Amino acid sequence: MFQLLMQAFKKIWPQKHSEISKVLLLFFALVALGAVGFQQFESVSHPELTWGDSIWWAIVTMTTVGYGDLFPTTTYGRYLVAIPLMLIGIGILGYLLSVLASTLIESRSKEIKGMSDLNVESHILLVHFQSHNRNLDIIHELRHDSKTRDLPIVLIDENLEQLPHDFIKLSVHFIRGNPSKESVLNRACVKQAKYALVLAANNNSSADDHTLAAALTIESLNKSIFTVAECLDPERVELMRRSGCDSVVCVAGMASSFLVQEISDPGVQAVVSELSSNRFGQQVYITAIEQMQDWSFAELQSYLQKQGYLVLGVQCGDESRINPGNSFIINANDQAICVGAQRPAPIRIS
């Protein structure tokens, strides 16, 4: 609760610095006057009163709490000190509450409409809003992977007017604007982002152009970010890779293979769907191999099988070696391609 109040105050203070300064000054002045008046008029009949008691009474009276532990008994204390303090205190309290409420509502509205500047780090940039169901499926997949489960997600799109309620419940932030513009990406804290997933903006001939422009700008602003781009035209995959994308996914290029494979081996699509989804079944993971020397693929299989994983092959740089043979030697920088129920930890064997 205290953290929420501090965040709200940080948002309010820059916007209404002058007004709040005046109100706070008036508040402390009234507390001082109330305490002095209470001490002056009531200490005659109650000599045990301290200045701490008087200040306590003034604050309790201004906030209209009224505990009843201290109260004025003299005529002057009641009518010259207590009543003015109560009336003015209610006004100050009402003003502060109204400023707080209006600022919080305005801030929330701006955030939902993508108009605010974010302050996040180690997050995922989800570029372009294709459709409610498509983006929601991607968000669910990210939330079901232990590697990305707790990372903030920032959706960037220039046509979406307001962040859907389903996205808000999944703690997704929104920035409205052209993702190929530096000013828009800076509002999304692109330099602090960890991953970027650039979806095809639409299904027309210019979709890959928008994707390429966004990916180029992201990579130019953050060299360490891991960018995955969706490509519709198989002939432009290599171009996107040259733009700096760490990985390019072309669904159209895989569709033909899946269709033909499904004729020859019915059920392949179901297997691939399970292995590629984080929400059910087993998944394919690529895990690092550290401190590995002179191990063969057979020894790697034996080690991971004891932990409940099925080893498919080895990732050697950009090349995937599926079932390379039992005598294949594992290098220190290779990665294991395996299937399991959860993401394995990096393999550390001396």
Protein backbone atom coordinates (compact mmCIF):
# COMPACT_ATOMS: atom_id res chain seq x y z
CA MET A 1 0.00 0.00 0.00
CA PHE A 2 2.80 2.39 0.92
CA GLN A 3 4.58 1.60 -2.34
CA LEU A 4 1.44 2.37 -4.36
CA LEU A 5 1.04 5.70 -2.53
CA MET A 6 4.68 6.60 -3.20
CA GLN A 7 4.29 5.77 -6.90
CA ALA A 8 1.16 7.90 -7.06
CA PHE A 9 2.91 10.79 -5.29
CA LYS A 10 5.85 10.61 -7.73
CA LYS A 11 3.40 10.93 -10.61
CA ILE A 12 1.45 13.76 -9.01
CA TRP A 13 4.39 15.84 -7.80
CA PRO A 14 5.89 16.83 -11.20
CA GLN A 15 2.45 17.71 -12.59
CA LYS A 16 1.09 19.74 -9.65
CA HIS A 17 4.26 20.74 -7.84
CA SER A 18 3.19 24.33 -7.14
CA GLU A 19 -0.35 23.49 -6.00
CA ILE A 20 0.68 20.65 -3.70
CA SER A 21 3.50 22.74 -2.21
CA LYS A 22 1.01 25.43 -1.25
CA VAL A 23 -1.45 22.92 0.21
CA LEU A 24 1.26 21.14 2.22
CA LEU A 25 2.53 24.49 3.52
CA LEU A 26 -1.03 25.43 4.56
CA PHE A 27 -1.49 22.02 6.17
CA PHE A 28 1.61 22.31 8.37
CA ALA A 29 0.77 25.93 9.20
CA LEU A 30 -2.71 24.91 10.39
CA VAL A 31 -1.28 22.03 12.40
CA ALA A 32 1.10 24.47 14.09
CA LEU A 33 -1.64 27.04 14.76
CA GLY A 34 -4.03 24.38 16.03
CA ALA A 35 -1.41 22.90 18.33
CA VAL A 36 -0.45 26.35 19.68
CA GLY A 37 -4.09 27.31 20.23
CA PHE A 38 -4.96 24.01 21.91
CA GLN A 39 -1.93 24.25 24.18
CA GLN A 40 -2.67 27.90 25.00
CA PHE A 41 -6.33 27.49 25.96
CA GLU A 42 -6.43 23.93 27.33
CA SER A 43 -3.21 23.74 29.32
CA VAL A 44 -4.73 25.99 32.01
CA SER A 45 -7.29 23.35 33.01
CA HIS A 46 -5.09 20.43 31.94
CA PRO A 47 -1.50 21.23 32.97
CA GLU A 48 -0.38 17.67 32.06
CA LEU A 49 -0.79 18.41 28.32
CA THR A 50 2.43 18.28 26.28
CA TRP A 51 3.26 19.77 22.88
CA GLY A 52 3.19 16.24 21.49
CA ASP A 53 -0.40 15.89 22.70
CA SER A 54 -1.36 19.20 21.09
CA ILE A 55 0.17 18.32 17.73
CA TRP A 56 -1.50 14.89 17.86
CA TRP A 57 -4.88 16.47 18.58
CA ALA A 58 -4.47 18.98 15.73
CA ILE A 59 -3.69 16.27 13.16
CA VAL A 60 -6.50 13.99 14.36
CA THR A 61 -8.95 16.88 14.22
CA MET A 62 -7.92 18.03 10.74
CA THR A 63 -8.30 14.52 9.35
CA THR A 64 -11.73 14.24 11.06
CA VAL A 65 -10.72 10.93 12.68
CA GLY A 66 -11.77 12.01 16.16
CA TYR A 67 -10.38 9.33 18.49
CA GLY A 68 -11.77 11.19 21.49
CA ASP A 69 -8.66 10.73 23.64
CA LEU A 70 -8.09 14.51 23.61
CA PHE A 71 -10.70 17.23 23.14
CA PRO A 72 -11.11 20.90 24.05
CA THR A 73 -13.18 21.75 27.11
CA THR A 74 -12.86 25.56 27.10
CA THR A 75 -15.05 27.88 25.05
CA TYR A 76 -12.11 29.46 23.27
CA GLY A 77 -10.56 26.05 22.56
CA ARG A 78 -13.77 24.78 20.98
CA TYR A 79 -14.95 27.77 18.95
CA LEU A 80 -11.73 29.62 18.09
CA VAL A 81 -9.49 26.59 17.50
CA ALA A 82 -11.37 23.31 17.03
CA ILE A 83 -14.23 24.34 14.71
CA PRO A 84 -12.06 26.34 12.22
CA LEU A 85 -9.49 23.55 12.27
CA MET A 86 -12.13 20.92 11.44
CA LEU A 87 -13.70 22.91 8.62
CA ILE A 88 -10.44 23.89 6.96
CA GLY A 89 -8.96 20.44 7.54
CA ILE A 90 -11.83 18.78 5.68
CA GLY A 91 -11.26 21.10 2.72
CA ILE A 92 -7.53 20.37 2.55
CA LEU A 93 -8.07 16.62 2.91
CA GLY A 94 -10.75 16.65 0.21
CA TYR A 95 -8.51 18.54 -2.17
CA LEU A 96 -5.58 16.17 -1.68
CA LEU A 97 -7.81 13.12 -2.18
CA SER A 98 -9.33 14.59 -5.34
CA VAL A 99 -5.88 15.34 -6.77
CA LEU A 100 -4.72 11.82 -5.93
CA ALA A 101 -7.79 10.17 -7.45
CA SER A 102 -7.83 12.26 -10.62
CA THR A 103 -4.11 11.74 -11.20
CA LEU A 104 -4.34 7.97 -10.72
CA ILE A 105 -7.33 7.74 -13.08
CA GLU A 106 -5.62 9.94 -15.67
CA SER A 107 -2.37 7.97 -15.40
CA ARG A 108 -4.20 4.64 -15.77
CA SER A 109 -6.17 5.92 -18.74
CA LYS A 110 -3.00 7.15 -20.47
CA GLU A 111 -1.29 3.80 -19.86
CA ILE A 112 -4.20 1.80 -21.29
CA LYS A 113 -4.27 4.06 -24.36
CA GLY A 114 -0.50 3.77 -24.80
CA MET A 115 0.24 7.44 -24.18
CA SER A 116 2.48 7.14 -21.13
CA ASP A 117 6.24 6.65 -20.88
CA LEU A 118 7.27 3.38 -19.26
CA ASN A 119 9.97 2.59 -16.75
CA VAL A 120 10.76 -1.11 -17.19
CA GLU A 121 13.84 -3.21 -17.81
CA SER A 122 14.76 -6.74 -18.91
CA HIS A 123 11.42 -6.87 -20.69
CA ILE A 124 10.00 -8.24 -23.94
CA LEU A 125 8.98 -5.95 -26.79
CA LEU A 126 5.96 -7.39 -28.62
CA VAL A 127 5.82 -5.35 -31.81
CA HIS A 128 2.57 -5.04 -33.84
CA PHE A 129 -0.95 -6.05 -32.95
CA GLN A 130 -2.22 -8.58 -35.47
CA SER A 131 -5.45 -9.69 -33.80
CA HIS A 132 -6.76 -10.19 -30.30
CA ASN A 133 -6.50 -13.99 -30.36
CA ARG A 134 -3.10 -14.14 -32.09
CA ASN A 135 -1.39 -11.71 -29.73
CA LEU A 136 -3.12 -13.26 -26.73
CA ASP A 137 -1.85 -16.72 -27.71
CA ILE A 138 1.69 -15.37 -27.95
CA ILE A 139 1.40 -13.71 -24.54
CA HIS A 140 0.13 -16.96 -23.02
CA GLU A 141 3.04 -18.86 -24.53
CA LEU A 142 5.48 -16.35 -23.04
CA ARG A 143 3.80 -16.63 -19.64
CA HIS A 144 4.08 -20.45 -19.68
CA ASP A 145 7.83 -20.53 -20.30
CA SER A 146 10.04 -20.39 -17.21
CA LYS A 147 12.55 -18.24 -19.13
CA THR A 148 10.03 -15.47 -19.93
CA ARG A 149 7.29 -16.05 -17.35
CA ASP A 150 8.17 -13.16 -15.06
CA LEU A 151 9.46 -10.69 -17.65
CA PRO A 152 7.36 -7.57 -18.36
CA ILE A 153 5.78 -7.46 -21.82
CA VAL A 154 5.42 -4.20 -23.76
CA LEU A 155 3.09 -4.19 -26.76
CA ILE A 156 3.90 -1.56 -29.43
CA ASP A 157 1.41 -0.72 -32.18
CA GLU A 158 0.25 2.45 -33.91
CA ASN A 159 -3.29 1.36 -34.85
CA LEU A 160 -4.52 -0.18 -31.59
CA GLU A 161 -6.53 2.45 -29.71
CA GLN A 162 -6.71 0.80 -26.31
CA LEU A 163 -5.12 -2.19 -24.62
CA PRO A 164 -7.63 -5.09 -24.33
CA HIS A 165 -8.73 -6.03 -20.83
CA ASP A 166 -7.39 -9.58 -21.21
CA PHE A 167 -3.93 -8.15 -21.81
CA ILE A 168 -4.14 -5.91 -18.75
CA LYS A 169 -4.84 -8.92 -16.52
CA LEU A 170 -1.64 -10.52 -17.84
CA SER A 171 0.40 -7.42 -16.84
CA VAL A 172 1.04 -6.28 -20.40
CA HIS A 173 2.06 -2.65 -20.99
CA PHE A 174 1.15 -0.68 -24.10
CA ILE A 175 2.88 1.99 -26.16
CA ARG A 176 0.97 3.46 -29.08
CA GLY A 177 3.05 4.63 -32.00
CA ASN A 178 5.10 3.59 -35.00
CA PRO A 179 7.63 0.95 -33.80
CA SER A 180 10.14 2.05 -36.45
CA LYS A 181 10.46 5.50 -34.81
CA GLU A 182 13.16 6.02 -32.21
CA SER A 183 10.98 8.26 -30.02
CA VAL A 184 8.31 5.56 -29.74
CA LEU A 185 10.82 2.83 -28.91
CA ASN A 186 12.47 5.02 -26.27
CA ARG A 187 9.09 5.35 -24.55
CA ALA A 188 9.07 1.54 -24.43
CA CYS A 189 12.58 1.52 -22.86
CA VAL A 190 14.08 -0.27 -25.86
CA LYS A 191 17.64 0.13 -24.54
CA GLN A 192 16.75 -1.84 -21.41
CA ALA A 193 14.77 -4.56 -23.26
CA LYS A 194 15.98 -8.15 -23.29
CA TYR A 195 13.94 -9.61 -26.17
CA ALA A 196 12.01 -8.28 -29.15
CA LEU A 197 9.35 -10.25 -31.01
CA VAL A 198 8.40 -8.44 -34.22
CA LEU A 199 5.19 -9.76 -35.76
CA ALA A 200 4.06 -9.15 -39.33
CA ALA A 201 2.02 -5.95 -39.20
CA ASN A 202 -0.57 -7.16 -41.71
CA ASN A 203 -1.01 -9.65 -44.52
CA ASN A 204 -0.37 -7.41 -47.53
CA SER A 205 2.77 -6.97 -49.59
CA SER A 206 4.19 -4.25 -47.30
CA ALA A 207 4.07 -6.32 -44.10
CA ASP A 208 7.69 -7.41 -44.35
CA ASP A 209 8.75 -3.81 -45.00
CA HIS A 210 7.19 -2.70 -41.70
CA THR A 211 8.76 -5.66 -39.90
CA LEU A 212 12.17 -4.90 -41.38
CA ALA A 213 11.96 -1.20 -40.46
CA ALA A 214 11.01 -1.99 -36.86
CA ALA A 215 13.72 -4.64 -36.50
CA LEU A 216 16.41 -2.34 -37.93
CA THR A 217 15.50 0.47 -35.54
CA ILE A 218 15.38 -1.85 -32.53
CA GLU A 219 18.76 -3.39 -33.34
CA SER A 220 20.35 0.02 -33.92
CA LEU A 221 19.20 1.24 -30.50
CA ASN A 222 20.02 -1.93 -28.56
CA LYS A 223 22.84 -4.10 -29.89
CA SER A 224 22.47 -6.70 -27.12
CA ILE A 225 18.75 -7.37 -27.59
CA PHE A 226 17.66 -10.76 -28.96
CA THR A 227 15.28 -10.07 -31.85
CA VAL A 228 12.95 -12.59 -33.47
CA ALA A 229 11.10 -11.41 -36.58
CA GLU A 230 8.17 -12.92 -38.44
CA CYS A 231 8.57 -12.98 -42.23
CA LEU A 232 5.79 -13.65 -44.73
CA ASP A 233 7.88 -13.81 -47.90
CA PRO A 234 10.45 -16.66 -47.85
CA GLU A 235 12.65 -14.71 -50.27
CA ARG A 236 13.16 -11.96 -47.69
CA VAL A 237 14.32 -14.16 -44.82
CA GLU A 238 18.00 -13.60 -45.59
CA LEU A 239 17.48 -9.84 -45.83
CA MET A 240 15.95 -9.76 -42.36
CA ARG A 241 18.83 -11.76 -40.99
CA ARG A 242 21.25 -9.23 -42.45
CA SER A 243 19.32 -6.45 -40.73
CA GLY A 244 20.51 -7.80 -37.39
CA CYS A 245 17.66 -10.12 -36.41
CA ASP A 246 18.93 -13.01 -34.32
CA SER A 247 16.24 -15.29 -35.69
CA VAL A 248 13.67 -15.09 -38.50
CA VAL A 249 10.56 -17.27 -38.58
CA CYS A 250 8.84 -17.74 -41.94
CA VAL A 251 5.62 -19.67 -41.41
CA ALA A 252 4.87 -19.65 -45.14
CA GLY A 253 8.15 -21.40 -45.83
CA MET A 254 7.31 -24.19 -43.37
CA ALA A 255 3.70 -24.59 -44.45
CA SER A 256 4.56 -26.51 -47.61
CA SER A 257 6.75 -28.94 -45.71
CA PHE A 258 4.06 -29.54 -43.09
CA LEU A 259 1.39 -30.17 -45.71
CA VAL A 260 3.46 -32.72 -47.61
CA GLN A 261 4.70 -34.37 -44.42
CA GLU A 262 1.15 -34.74 -43.15
CA ILE A 263 0.28 -36.76 -46.27
CA SER A 264 3.24 -39.09 -45.89
CA ASP A 265 3.12 -39.32 -42.08
CA PRO A 266 -0.30 -38.32 -40.66
CA GLY A 267 0.02 -36.89 -37.16
CA VAL A 268 3.26 -34.98 -37.67
CA GLN A 269 1.45 -31.67 -37.26
CA ALA A 270 0.06 -32.73 -33.86
CA VAL A 271 3.54 -33.73 -32.71
CA VAL A 272 5.07 -30.45 -33.86
CA SER A 273 2.24 -28.47 -32.22
CA GLU A 274 2.88 -30.13 -28.89
CA LEU A 275 6.64 -29.73 -29.06
CA SER A 276 6.37 -26.04 -29.96
CA SER A 277 3.79 -25.06 -27.32
CA ASN A 278 4.63 -24.08 -23.75
CA ARG A 279 1.09 -24.67 -22.52
CA PHE A 280 0.78 -28.45 -22.79
CA GLY A 281 2.80 -31.62 -23.34
CA GLN A 282 6.56 -31.80 -23.83
CA GLN A 283 8.66 -29.04 -25.39
CA VAL A 284 11.87 -28.76 -27.34
CA TYR A 285 14.60 -26.92 -25.45
CA ILE A 286 18.09 -25.81 -26.45
CA THR A 287 20.33 -25.66 -23.42
CA ALA A 288 23.94 -24.57 -23.06
CA ILE A 289 26.76 -27.05 -22.52
CA GLU A 290 29.45 -25.64 -20.25
CA GLN A 291 32.85 -27.11 -19.29
CA MET A 292 32.37 -30.05 -21.67
CA GLN A 293 35.54 -31.73 -22.94
CA ASP A 294 35.85 -34.76 -25.20
CA TRP A 295 32.30 -35.94 -24.71
CA SER A 296 30.53 -37.86 -27.46
CA PHE A 297 26.89 -37.50 -28.43
CA ALA A 298 26.22 -40.93 -26.88
CA GLU A 299 27.61 -39.76 -23.51
CA LEU A 300 25.49 -36.59 -23.72
CA GLN A 301 22.40 -38.69 -24.41
CA SER A 302 23.13 -40.95 -21.47
CA TYR A 303 23.63 -37.99 -19.11
CA LEU A 304 20.40 -36.20 -20.07
CA GLN A 305 18.30 -39.35 -20.21
CA LYS A 306 19.04 -39.91 -16.53
CA GLN A 307 17.41 -36.54 -15.91
CA GLY A 308 14.35 -37.43 -17.96
CA TYR A 309 15.22 -35.73 -21.26
CA LEU A 310 15.23 -37.08 -24.80
CA VAL A 311 18.21 -35.73 -26.75
CA LEU A 312 17.48 -34.92 -30.41
CA GLY A 313 20.77 -33.42 -31.45
CA VAL A 314 23.29 -30.64 -31.02
CA GLN A 315 23.19 -26.97 -31.99
CA CYS A 316 26.58 -26.01 -33.42
CA GLY A 317 26.53 -22.25 -33.95
CA ASP A 318 23.80 -21.60 -36.52
CA GLU A 319 23.70 -25.24 -37.62
CA SER A 320 21.43 -27.87 -36.08
CA ARG A 321 22.83 -31.40 -36.11
CA ILE A 322 19.92 -33.75 -35.47
CA ASN A 323 21.01 -37.23 -34.34
CA PRO A 324 24.62 -36.67 -35.46
CA GLY A 325 25.73 -40.17 -34.41
CA ASN A 326 27.01 -41.67 -31.19
CA SER A 327 30.66 -40.88 -31.97
CA PHE A 328 30.04 -37.18 -32.70
CA ILE A 329 32.30 -35.09 -30.42
CA ILE A 330 30.69 -32.26 -28.43
CA ASN A 331 32.53 -28.93 -28.44
CA ALA A 332 32.54 -26.51 -25.51
CA ASN A 333 30.29 -23.94 -27.23
CA ASP A 334 27.71 -26.41 -28.54
CA GLN A 335 24.16 -26.59 -27.21
CA ALA A 336 22.01 -29.63 -26.57
CA ILE A 337 18.65 -29.99 -28.34
CA CYS A 338 16.38 -32.00 -26.06
CA VAL A 339 12.74 -32.73 -25.29
CA GLY A 340 11.34 -32.54 -21.77
CA ALA A 341 8.54 -31.36 -19.51
CA GLN A 342 10.48 -28.32 -18.28
CA ARG A 343 13.47 -26.24 -19.33
CA PRO A 344 16.72 -27.93 -18.22
CA ALA A 345 19.49 -26.07 -16.47
CA PRO A 346 22.78 -25.50 -18.35
CA ILE A 347 24.86 -28.64 -18.47
CA ARG A 348 28.03 -28.20 -16.39
CA ILE A 349 30.33 -31.21 -16.47
CA SER A 350 34.10 -31.09 -16.15
